[in-house]
């Protein structure tokens, strides 16, 4: 059974027992349980339910596992013949979620 869920403006395909990485949920601690309504699609035992805008009564329960950071990316910009060079780094923050239940 799987479902398509919208979390913080992004869509994720979730299945029970799998982990997903989403943008940082700083307001939640490790071990917290979150509940999301199934917005787009729910598939269970060959029966597909399409949401308009979400599937009635369907929900996904996830557990916050940890907060982590992605590897650093470097952005370099310069202006030719002027001696201007600038390097900027960025590390994206993520929250790792464990999908506990997907119910219709």
PDB file of N, CA and C in Angstrom:
ATOM      1  N   UNK A   1       0.840  -1.170   0.000  1.00  0.00           N
ATOM      2  CA  UNK A   1       0.000   0.000   0.000  1.00  0.00           C
ATOM      3  C   UNK A   1       0.892   1.242   0.000  1.00  0.00           C
ATOM      4  N   UNK A   2       0.563   2.201  -0.820  1.00  0.00           N
ATOM      5  CA  UNK A   2       1.313   3.447  -0.868  1.00  0.00           C
ATOM      6  C   UNK A   2       0.352   4.616  -0.994  1.00  0.00           C
ATOM      7  N   UNK A   3       0.886   5.811  -0.769  1.00  0.00           N
ATOM      8  CA  UNK A   3       0.075   7.018  -0.873  1.00  0.00           C
ATOM      9  C   UNK A   3       0.974   8.170  -1.292  1.00  0.00           C
ATOM     10  N   UNK A   4       0.367   9.177  -1.898  1.00  0.00           N
ATOM     11  CA  UNK A   4       1.070  10.414  -2.227  1.00  0.00           C
ATOM     12  C   UNK A   4       0.627  11.478  -1.226  1.00  0.00           C
ATOM     13  N   UNK A   5       1.612  12.056  -0.530  1.00  0.00           N
ATOM     14  CA  UNK A   5       1.330  12.986   0.557  1.00  0.00           C
ATOM     15  C   UNK A   5       2.040  14.304   0.281  1.00  0.00           C
ATOM     16  N   UNK A   6       1.402  15.395   0.657  1.00  0.00           N
ATOM     17  CA  UNK A   6       2.038  16.705   0.554  1.00  0.00           C
ATOM     18  C   UNK A   6       2.543  17.109   1.933  1.00  0.00           C
ATOM     19  N   UNK A   7       3.873  17.328   2.028  1.00  0.00           N
ATOM     20  CA  UNK A   7       4.501  17.737   3.278  1.00  0.00           C
ATOM     21  C   UNK A   7       5.312  18.994   2.999  1.00  0.00           C
ATOM     22  N   UNK A   8       4.937  20.085   3.643  1.00  0.00           N
ATOM     23  CA  UNK A   8       5.613  21.377   3.470  1.00  0.00           C
ATOM     24  C   UNK A   8       5.691  21.791   2.005  1.00  0.00           C
ATOM     25  N   UNK A   9       4.612  21.604   1.264  1.00  0.00           N
ATOM     26  CA  UNK A   9       4.541  22.067  -0.113  1.00  0.00           C
ATOM     27  C   UNK A   9       5.179  21.155  -1.138  1.00  0.00           C
ATOM     28  N   UNK A  10       5.687  19.999  -0.725  1.00  0.00           N
ATOM     29  CA  UNK A  10       6.286  19.049  -1.658  1.00  0.00           C
ATOM     30  C   UNK A  10       5.549  17.724  -1.557  1.00  0.00           C
ATOM     31  N   UNK A  11       5.536  16.997  -2.663  1.00  0.00           N
ATOM     32  CA  UNK A  11       4.810  15.730  -2.714  1.00  0.00           C
ATOM     33  C   UNK A  11       5.774  14.563  -2.571  1.00  0.00           C
ATOM     34  N   UNK A  12       5.376  13.572  -1.755  1.00  0.00           N
ATOM     35  CA  UNK A  12       6.202  12.399  -1.507  1.00  0.00           C
ATOM     36  C   UNK A  12       5.355  11.142  -1.660  1.00  0.00           C
ATOM     37  N   UNK A  13       5.956  10.113  -2.250  1.00  0.00           N
ATOM     38  CA  UNK A  13       5.323   8.800  -2.322  1.00  0.00           C
ATOM     39  C   UNK A  13       5.796   8.023  -1.104  1.00  0.00           C
ATOM     40  N   UNK A  14       4.869   7.594  -0.251  1.00  0.00           N
ATOM     41  CA  UNK A  14       5.230   6.929   0.999  1.00  0.00           C
ATOM     42  C   UNK A  14       4.662   5.516   1.038  1.00  0.00           C
ATOM     43  N   UNK A  15       5.402   4.630   1.706  1.00  0.00           N
ATOM     44  CA  UNK A  15       4.967   3.260   1.957  1.00  0.00           C
ATOM     45  C   UNK A  15       5.278   2.932   3.407  1.00  0.00           C
ATOM     46  N   UNK A  16       4.516   2.020   3.992  1.00  0.00           N
ATOM     47  CA  UNK A  16       4.733   1.641   5.386  1.00  0.00           C
ATOM     48  C   UNK A  16       6.115   1.032   5.574  1.00  0.00           C
ATOM     49  N   UNK A  17       6.781   1.434   6.653  1.00  0.00           N
ATOM     50  CA  UNK A  17       8.079   0.878   6.992  1.00  0.00           C
ATOM     51  C   UNK A  17       9.259   1.512   6.278  1.00  0.00           C
ATOM     52  N   UNK A  18       9.022   2.459   5.394  1.00  0.00           N
ATOM     53  CA  UNK A  18      10.116   3.101   4.652  1.00  0.00           C
ATOM     54  C   UNK A  18      10.441   4.460   5.259  1.00  0.00           C
ATOM     55  N   UNK A  19      11.672   4.919   5.011  1.00  0.00           N
ATOM     56  CA  UNK A  19      12.117   6.236   5.461  1.00  0.00           C
ATOM     57  C   UNK A  19      12.000   7.234   4.314  1.00  0.00           C
ATOM     58  N   UNK A  20      11.706   8.486   4.657  1.00  0.00           N
ATOM     59  CA  UNK A  20      11.725   9.562   3.674  1.00  0.00           C
ATOM     60  C   UNK A  20      12.484  10.746   4.273  1.00  0.00           C
ATOM     61  N   UNK A  21      13.145  11.508   3.411  1.00  0.00           N
ATOM     62  CA  UNK A  21      13.833  12.733   3.821  1.00  0.00           C
ATOM     63  C   UNK A  21      12.994  13.922   3.369  1.00  0.00           C
ATOM     64  N   UNK A  22      12.620  14.772   4.315  1.00  0.00           N
ATOM     65  CA  UNK A  22      11.830  15.956   4.002  1.00  0.00           C
ATOM     66  C   UNK A  22      12.579  17.183   4.506  1.00  0.00           C
ATOM     67  N   UNK A  23      12.150  18.366   4.080  1.00  0.00           N
ATOM     68  CA  UNK A  23      12.758  19.595   4.577  1.00  0.00           C
ATOM     69  C   UNK A  23      12.600  19.665   6.094  1.00  0.00           C
ATOM     70  N   UNK A  24      13.463  20.413   6.732  1.00  0.00           N
ATOM     71  CA  UNK A  24      13.585  20.427   8.185  1.00  0.00           C
ATOM     72  C   UNK A  24      12.266  20.754   8.885  1.00  0.00           C
ATOM     73  N   UNK A  25      11.920  19.924   9.874  1.00  0.00           N
ATOM     74  CA  UNK A  25      10.816  20.168  10.796  1.00  0.00           C
ATOM     75  C   UNK A  25      11.443  20.509  12.143  1.00  0.00           C
ATOM     76  N   UNK A  26      11.926  21.731  12.307  1.00  0.00           N
ATOM     77  CA  UNK A  26      12.663  22.116  13.513  1.00  0.00           C
ATOM     78  C   UNK A  26      11.768  22.133  14.749  1.00  0.00           C
ATOM     79  N   UNK A  27      10.464  22.301  14.553  1.00  0.00           N
ATOM     80  CA  UNK A  27       9.558  22.405  15.692  1.00  0.00           C
ATOM     81  C   UNK A  27       9.233  21.049  16.318  1.00  0.00           C
ATOM     82  N   UNK A  28       9.696  19.952  15.712  1.00  0.00           N
ATOM     83  CA  UNK A  28       9.417  18.613  16.236  1.00  0.00           C
ATOM     84  C   UNK A  28      10.706  17.932  16.674  1.00  0.00           C
ATOM     85  N   UNK A  29      10.644  17.225  17.803  1.00  0.00           N
ATOM     86  CA  UNK A  29      11.813  16.527  18.333  1.00  0.00           C
ATOM     87  C   UNK A  29      11.811  15.075  17.863  1.00  0.00           C
ATOM     88  N   UNK A  30      12.944  14.400  18.070  1.00  0.00           N
ATOM     89  CA  UNK A  30      13.035  12.987  17.712  1.00  0.00           C
ATOM     90  C   UNK A  30      12.020  12.194  18.525  1.00  0.00           C
ATOM     91  N   UNK A  31      11.364  11.256  17.862  1.00  0.00           N
ATOM     92  CA  UNK A  31      10.371  10.419  18.527  1.00  0.00           C
ATOM     93  C   UNK A  31       8.950  10.940  18.420  1.00  0.00           C
ATOM     94  N   UNK A  32       8.762  12.192  18.008  1.00  0.00           N
ATOM     95  CA  UNK A  32       7.413  12.739  17.842  1.00  0.00           C
ATOM     96  C   UNK A  32       6.705  12.039  16.694  1.00  0.00           C
ATOM     97  N   UNK A  33       5.385  11.901  16.825  1.00  0.00           N
ATOM     98  CA  UNK A  33       4.585  11.317  15.753  1.00  0.00           C
ATOM     99  C   UNK A  33       3.787  12.426  15.086  1.00  0.00           C
ATOM    100  N   UNK A  34       3.802  12.427  13.763  1.00  0.00           N
ATOM    101  CA  UNK A  34       3.082  13.420  12.976  1.00  0.00           C
ATOM    102  C   UNK A  34       2.042  12.710  12.129  1.00  0.00           C
ATOM    103  N   UNK A  35       0.977  13.423  11.826  1.00  0.00           N
ATOM    104  CA  UNK A  35      -0.100  12.851  11.021  1.00  0.00           C
ATOM    105  C   UNK A  35      -0.378  13.780   9.843  1.00  0.00           C
ATOM    106  N   UNK A  36      -0.404  13.206   8.643  1.00  0.00           N
ATOM    107  CA  UNK A  36      -0.665  13.978   7.434  1.00  0.00           C
ATOM    108  C   UNK A  36      -1.846  13.367   6.698  1.00  0.00           C
ATOM    109  N   UNK A  37      -2.763  14.199   6.180  1.00  0.00           N
ATOM    110  CA  UNK A  37      -3.821  13.645   5.333  1.00  0.00           C
ATOM    111  C   UNK A  37      -3.247  13.260   3.972  1.00  0.00           C
ATOM    112  N   UNK A  38      -3.837  12.243   3.363  1.00  0.00           N
ATOM    113  CA  UNK A  38      -3.397  11.826   2.027  1.00  0.00           C
ATOM    114  C   UNK A  38      -4.033  12.780   1.031  1.00  0.00           C
ATOM    115  N   UNK A  39      -3.212  13.544   0.326  1.00  0.00           N
ATOM    116  CA  UNK A  39      -3.739  14.581  -0.540  1.00  0.00           C
ATOM    117  C   UNK A  39      -4.096  14.081  -1.926  1.00  0.00           C
ATOM    118  N   UNK A  40      -3.205  13.345  -2.571  1.00  0.00           N
ATOM    119  CA  UNK A  40      -3.408  13.090  -3.983  1.00  0.00           C
ATOM    120  C   UNK A  40      -3.949  11.713  -4.300  1.00  0.00           C
ATOM    121  N   UNK A  41      -3.309  10.693  -3.753  1.00  0.00           N
ATOM    122  CA  UNK A  41      -3.609   9.349  -4.219  1.00  0.00           C
ATOM    123  C   UNK A  41      -3.369   8.362  -3.100  1.00  0.00           C
ATOM    124  N   UNK A  42      -4.228   7.361  -3.021  1.00  0.00           N
ATOM    125  CA  UNK A  42      -4.046   6.284  -2.057  1.00  0.00           C
ATOM    126  C   UNK A  42      -4.326   4.984  -2.772  1.00  0.00           C
ATOM    127  N   UNK A  43      -3.412   4.029  -2.643  1.00  0.00           N
ATOM    128  CA  UNK A  43      -3.565   2.745  -3.316  1.00  0.00           C
ATOM    129  C   UNK A  43      -3.483   1.647  -2.278  1.00  0.00           C
ATOM    130  N   UNK A  44      -4.556   0.884  -2.152  1.00  0.00           N
ATOM    131  CA  UNK A  44      -4.560  -0.209  -1.190  1.00  0.00           C
ATOM    132  C   UNK A  44      -5.263  -1.421  -1.749  1.00  0.00           C
ATOM    133  N   UNK A  45      -4.537  -2.527  -1.855  1.00  0.00           N
ATOM    134  CA  UNK A  45      -5.087  -3.808  -2.309  1.00  0.00           C
ATOM    135  C   UNK A  45      -5.790  -3.682  -3.657  1.00  0.00           C
ATOM    136  N   UNK A  46      -5.156  -3.021  -4.591  1.00  0.00           N
ATOM    137  CA  UNK A  46      -5.699  -2.909  -5.940  1.00  0.00           C
ATOM    138  C   UNK A  46      -6.750  -1.835  -6.117  1.00  0.00           C
ATOM    139  N   UNK A  47      -7.121  -1.141  -5.052  1.00  0.00           N
ATOM    140  CA  UNK A  47      -8.129  -0.089  -5.133  1.00  0.00           C
ATOM    141  C   UNK A  47      -7.436   1.265  -5.032  1.00  0.00           C
ATOM    142  N   UNK A  48      -7.553   2.063  -6.071  1.00  0.00           N
ATOM    143  CA  UNK A  48      -6.909   3.374  -6.107  1.00  0.00           C
ATOM    144  C   UNK A  48      -7.948   4.448  -5.811  1.00  0.00           C
ATOM    145  N   UNK A  49      -7.637   5.324  -4.855  1.00  0.00           N
ATOM    146  CA  UNK A  49      -8.507   6.447  -4.517  1.00  0.00           C
ATOM    147  C   UNK A  49      -7.779   7.734  -4.872  1.00  0.00           C
ATOM    148  N   UNK A  50      -8.416   8.557  -5.694  1.00  0.00           N
ATOM    149  CA  UNK A  50      -7.824   9.828  -6.104  1.00  0.00           C
ATOM    150  C   UNK A  50      -8.499  10.944  -5.319  1.00  0.00           C
ATOM    151  N   UNK A  51      -7.702  11.826  -4.744  1.00  0.00           N
ATOM    152  CA  UNK A  51      -8.237  12.890  -3.915  1.00  0.00           C
ATOM    153  C   UNK A  51      -8.596  14.135  -4.695  1.00  0.00           C
ATOM    154  N   UNK A  52      -9.672  14.809  -4.238  1.00  0.00           N
ATOM    155  CA  UNK A  52     -10.096  16.068  -4.845  1.00  0.00           C
ATOM    156  C   UNK A  52     -10.478  17.021  -3.727  1.00  0.00           C
ATOM    157  N   UNK A  53      -9.658  17.731  -3.052  1.00  0.00           N
ATOM    158  CA  UNK A  53      -8.200  17.800  -3.146  1.00  0.00           C
ATOM    159  C   UNK A  53      -7.493  16.716  -2.351  1.00  0.00           C
ATOM    160  N   UNK A  54      -8.184  16.055  -1.391  1.00  0.00           N
ATOM    161  CA  UNK A  54      -7.521  14.980  -0.660  1.00  0.00           C
ATOM    162  C   UNK A  54      -8.488  13.818  -0.468  1.00  0.00           C
ATOM    163  N   UNK A  55      -7.950  12.653  -0.186  1.00  0.00           N
ATOM    164  CA  UNK A  55      -8.753  11.448  -0.002  1.00  0.00           C
ATOM    165  C   UNK A  55      -9.400  11.515   1.384  1.00  0.00           C
ATOM    166  N   UNK A  56     -10.711  11.403   1.443  1.00  0.00           N
ATOM    167  CA  UNK A  56     -11.443  11.502   2.703  1.00  0.00           C
ATOM    168  C   UNK A  56     -11.098  10.335   3.625  1.00  0.00           C
ATOM    169  N   UNK A  57     -10.776  10.655   4.872  1.00  0.00           N
ATOM    170  CA  UNK A  57     -10.521   9.636   5.883  1.00  0.00           C
ATOM    171  C   UNK A  57      -9.163   8.968   5.811  1.00  0.00           C
ATOM    172  N   UNK A  58      -8.397   9.244   4.790  1.00  0.00           N
ATOM    173  CA  UNK A  58      -7.077   8.618   4.657  1.00  0.00           C
ATOM    174  C   UNK A  58      -6.035   9.481   5.360  1.00  0.00           C
ATOM    175  N   UNK A  59      -5.091   8.812   6.014  1.00  0.00           N
ATOM    176  CA  UNK A  59      -4.037   9.554   6.695  1.00  0.00           C
ATOM    177  C   UNK A  59      -2.768   8.722   6.749  1.00  0.00           C
ATOM    178  N   UNK A  60      -1.668   9.421   6.957  1.00  0.00           N
ATOM    179  CA  UNK A  60      -0.355   8.796   7.073  1.00  0.00           C
ATOM    180  C   UNK A  60       0.229   9.232   8.413  1.00  0.00           C
ATOM    181  N   UNK A  61       0.681   8.266   9.206  1.00  0.00           N
ATOM    182  CA  UNK A  61       1.308   8.555  10.493  1.00  0.00           C
ATOM    183  C   UNK A  61       2.798   8.274  10.359  1.00  0.00           C
ATOM    184  N   UNK A  62       3.620   9.276  10.684  1.00  0.00           N
ATOM    185  CA  UNK A  62       5.075   9.137  10.582  1.00  0.00           C
ATOM    186  C   UNK A  62       5.712   9.460  11.930  1.00  0.00           C
ATOM    187  N   UNK A  63       6.917   8.940  12.121  1.00  0.00           N
ATOM    188  CA  UNK A  63       7.682   9.188  13.343  1.00  0.00           C
ATOM    189  C   UNK A  63       8.967   9.908  12.960  1.00  0.00           C
ATOM    190  N   UNK A  64       9.310  10.968  13.694  1.00  0.00           N
ATOM    191  CA  UNK A  64      10.537  11.721  13.434  1.00  0.00           C
ATOM    192  C   UNK A  64      11.713  10.901  13.955  1.00  0.00           C
ATOM    193  N   UNK A  65      12.638  10.552  13.052  1.00  0.00           N
ATOM    194  CA  UNK A  65      13.790   9.740  13.435  1.00  0.00           C
ATOM    195  C   UNK A  65      14.979  10.617  13.830  1.00  0.00           C
ATOM    196  N   UNK A  66      15.364  11.556  12.958  1.00  0.00           N
ATOM    197  CA  UNK A  66      16.512  12.407  13.248  1.00  0.00           C
ATOM    198  C   UNK A  66      16.513  13.610  12.320  1.00  0.00           C
ATOM    199  N   UNK A  67      17.277  14.618  12.711  1.00  0.00           N
ATOM    200  CA  UNK A  67      17.528  15.776  11.857  1.00  0.00           C
ATOM    201  C   UNK A  67      18.957  15.668  11.360  1.00  0.00           C
ATOM    202  N   UNK A  68      19.160  15.898  10.074  1.00  0.00           N
ATOM    203  CA  UNK A  68      20.493  15.776   9.511  1.00  0.00           C
ATOM    204  C   UNK A  68      20.710  16.820   8.443  1.00  0.00           C
ATOM    205  N   UNK A  69      21.950  16.896   7.968  1.00  0.00           N
ATOM    206  CA  UNK A  69      22.316  17.892   6.967  1.00  0.00           C
ATOM    207  C   UNK A  69      22.918  17.198   5.758  1.00  0.00           C
ATOM    208  N   UNK A  70      22.639  17.761   4.593  1.00  0.00           N
ATOM    209  CA  UNK A  70      23.174  17.237   3.342  1.00  0.00           C
ATOM    210  C   UNK A  70      24.621  17.695   3.190  1.00  0.00           C
ATOM    211  N   UNK A  71      25.316  17.131   2.210  1.00  0.00           N
ATOM    212  CA  UNK A  71      26.695  17.558   1.981  1.00  0.00           C
ATOM    213  C   UNK A  71      26.707  18.994   1.448  1.00  0.00           C
ATOM    214  N   UNK A  72      27.823  19.658   1.644  1.00  0.00           N
ATOM    215  CA  UNK A  72      27.941  21.063   1.260  1.00  0.00           C
ATOM    216  C   UNK A  72      28.100  21.198  -0.250  1.00  0.00           C
ATOM    217  N   UNK A  73      27.369  22.157  -0.807  1.00  0.00           N
ATOM    218  CA  UNK A  73      27.577  22.507  -2.208  1.00  0.00           C
ATOM    219  C   UNK A  73      28.253  23.872  -2.237  1.00  0.00           C
ATOM    220  N   UNK A  74      29.050  24.093  -3.232  1.00  0.00           N
ATOM    221  CA  UNK A  74      29.777  25.355  -3.363  1.00  0.00           C
ATOM    222  C   UNK A  74      29.281  26.096  -4.597  1.00  0.00           C
ATOM    223  N   UNK A  75      29.043  27.381  -4.428  1.00  0.00           N
ATOM    224  CA  UNK A  75      28.646  28.253  -5.523  1.00  0.00           C
ATOM    225  C   UNK A  75      29.759  29.278  -5.678  1.00  0.00           C
ATOM    226  N   UNK A  76      30.294  29.395  -6.888  1.00  0.00           N
ATOM    227  CA  UNK A  76      31.415  30.302  -7.141  1.00  0.00           C
ATOM    228  C   UNK A  76      30.991  31.295  -8.204  1.00  0.00           C
ATOM    229  N   UNK A  77      31.194  32.572  -7.915  1.00  0.00           N
ATOM    230  CA  UNK A  77      30.908  33.573  -8.937  1.00  0.00           C
ATOM    231  C   UNK A  77      32.081  34.533  -9.032  1.00  0.00           C
ATOM    232  N   UNK A  78      32.267  35.076 -10.215  1.00  0.00           N
ATOM    233  CA  UNK A  78      33.388  35.981 -10.443  1.00  0.00           C
ATOM    234  C   UNK A  78      33.062  36.908 -11.596  1.00  0.00           C
ATOM    235  N   UNK A  79      33.853  37.977 -11.685  1.00  0.00           N
ATOM    236  CA  UNK A  79      33.752  38.894 -12.817  1.00  0.00           C
ATOM    237  C   UNK A  79      35.097  38.888 -13.527  1.00  0.00           C
ATOM    238  N   UNK A  80      35.052  38.618 -14.801  1.00  0.00           N
ATOM    239  CA  UNK A  80      36.308  38.518 -15.552  1.00  0.00           C
ATOM    240  C   UNK A  80      37.039  39.859 -15.583  1.00  0.00           C
ATOM    241  N   UNK A  81      38.334  39.775 -15.507  1.00  0.00           N
ATOM    242  CA  UNK A  81      39.249  40.922 -15.594  1.00  0.00           C
ATOM    243  C   UNK A  81      39.080  41.946 -14.469  1.00  0.00           C
ATOM    244  N   UNK A  82      38.332  41.674 -13.448  1.00  0.00           N
ATOM    245  CA  UNK A  82      38.116  42.650 -12.376  1.00  0.00           C
ATOM    246  C   UNK A  82      38.691  42.195 -11.033  1.00  0.00           C
ATOM    247  N   UNK A  83      39.078  40.936 -10.914  1.00  0.00           N
ATOM    248  CA  UNK A  83      39.625  40.436  -9.657  1.00  0.00           C
ATOM    249  C   UNK A  83      38.572  40.128  -8.606  1.00  0.00           C
ATOM    250  N   UNK A  84      37.308  40.105  -9.006  1.00  0.00           N
ATOM    251  CA  UNK A  84      36.230  39.819  -8.066  1.00  0.00           C
ATOM    252  C   UNK A  84      35.927  38.332  -8.091  1.00  0.00           C
ATOM    253  N   UNK A  85      36.064  37.685  -6.947  1.00  0.00           N
ATOM    254  CA  UNK A  85      35.745  36.256  -6.815  1.00  0.00           C
ATOM    255  C   UNK A  85      35.044  36.047  -5.481  1.00  0.00           C
ATOM    256  N   UNK A  86      34.031  35.218  -5.497  1.00  0.00           N
ATOM    257  CA  UNK A  86      33.286  34.959  -4.276  1.00  0.00           C
ATOM    258  C   UNK A  86      32.832  33.508  -4.259  1.00  0.00           C
ATOM    259  N   UNK A  87      33.072  32.821  -3.148  1.00  0.00           N
ATOM    260  CA  UNK A  87      32.632  31.441  -2.974  1.00  0.00           C
ATOM    261  C   UNK A  87      31.608  31.407  -1.850  1.00  0.00           C
ATOM    262  N   UNK A  88      30.484  30.772  -2.123  1.00  0.00           N
ATOM    263  CA  UNK A  88      29.416  30.640  -1.141  1.00  0.00           C
ATOM    264  C   UNK A  88      29.128  29.153  -0.973  1.00  0.00           C
ATOM    265  N   UNK A  89      28.950  28.711   0.264  1.00  0.00           N
ATOM    266  CA  UNK A  89      28.608  27.319   0.526  1.00  0.00           C
ATOM    267  C   UNK A  89      27.210  27.216   1.114  1.00  0.00           C
ATOM    268  N   UNK A  90      26.569  26.064   0.908  1.00  0.00           N
ATOM    269  CA  UNK A  90      25.228  25.838   1.445  1.00  0.00           C
ATOM    270  C   UNK A  90      25.067  24.378   1.827  1.00  0.00           C
ATOM    271  N   UNK A  91      24.481  24.126   3.003  1.00  0.00           N
ATOM    272  CA  UNK A  91      24.132  22.772   3.430  1.00  0.00           C
ATOM    273  C   UNK A  91      22.649  22.762   3.764  1.00  0.00           C
ATOM    274  N   UNK A  92      21.893  21.900   3.094  1.00  0.00           N
ATOM    275  CA  UNK A  92      20.454  21.814   3.312  1.00  0.00           C
ATOM    276  C   UNK A  92      20.164  20.974   4.554  1.00  0.00           C
ATOM    277  N   UNK A  93      19.220  21.417   5.373  1.00  0.00           N
ATOM    278  CA  UNK A  93      18.796  20.679   6.562  1.00  0.00           C
ATOM    279  C   UNK A  93      17.606  19.793   6.215  1.00  0.00           C
ATOM    280  N   UNK A  94      17.637  18.554   6.689  1.00  0.00           N
ATOM    281  CA  UNK A  94      16.571  17.592   6.432  1.00  0.00           C
ATOM    282  C   UNK A  94      16.101  16.958   7.734  1.00  0.00           C
ATOM    283  N   UNK A  95      14.907  16.397   7.687  1.00  0.00           N
ATOM    284  CA  UNK A  95      14.393  15.572   8.767  1.00  0.00           C
ATOM    285  C   UNK A  95      14.087  14.205   8.182  1.00  0.00           C
ATOM    286  N   UNK A  96      14.563  13.165   8.850  1.00  0.00           N
ATOM    287  CA  UNK A  96      14.325  11.793   8.404  1.00  0.00           C
ATOM    288  C   UNK A  96      13.085  11.274   9.123  1.00  0.00           C
ATOM    289  N   UNK A  97      12.097  10.830   8.337  1.00  0.00           N
ATOM    290  CA  UNK A  97      10.836  10.340   8.883  1.00  0.00           C
ATOM    291  C   UNK A  97      10.669   8.861   8.573  1.00  0.00           C
ATOM    292  N   UNK A  98      10.105   8.116   9.513  1.00  0.00           N
ATOM    293  CA  UNK A  98       9.758   6.715   9.313  1.00  0.00           C
ATOM    294  C   UNK A  98       8.249   6.636   9.158  1.00  0.00           C
ATOM    295  N   UNK A  99       7.779   6.077   8.048  1.00  0.00           N
ATOM    296  CA  UNK A  99       6.346   5.946   7.803  1.00  0.00           C
ATOM    297  C   UNK A  99       5.848   4.734   8.578  1.00  0.00           C
ATOM    298  N   UNK A 100       4.986   4.975   9.574  1.00  0.00           N
ATOM    299  CA  UNK A 100       4.491   3.881  10.403  1.00  0.00           C
ATOM    300  C   UNK A 100       3.225   3.256   9.828  1.00  0.00           C
ATOM    301  N   UNK A 101       2.235   4.081   9.515  1.00  0.00           N
ATOM    302  CA  UNK A 101       0.994   3.528   8.969  1.00  0.00           C
ATOM    303  C   UNK A 101       0.482   4.388   7.827  1.00  0.00           C
ATOM    304  N   UNK A 102      -0.122   3.715   6.861  1.00  0.00           N
ATOM    305  CA  UNK A 102      -0.837   4.365   5.766  1.00  0.00           C
ATOM    306  C   UNK A 102      -2.228   3.754   5.784  1.00  0.00           C
ATOM    307  N   UNK A 103      -3.238   4.557   6.115  1.00  0.00           N
ATOM    308  CA  UNK A 103      -4.588   4.007   6.240  1.00  0.00           C
ATOM    309  C   UNK A 103      -5.545   4.700   5.281  1.00  0.00           C
ATOM    310  N   UNK A 104      -6.504   3.941   4.784  1.00  0.00           N
ATOM    311  CA  UNK A 104      -7.534   4.475   3.883  1.00  0.00           C
ATOM    312  C   UNK A 104      -8.735   4.912   4.661  1.00  0.00           C
TER     313      UNK A 104
END
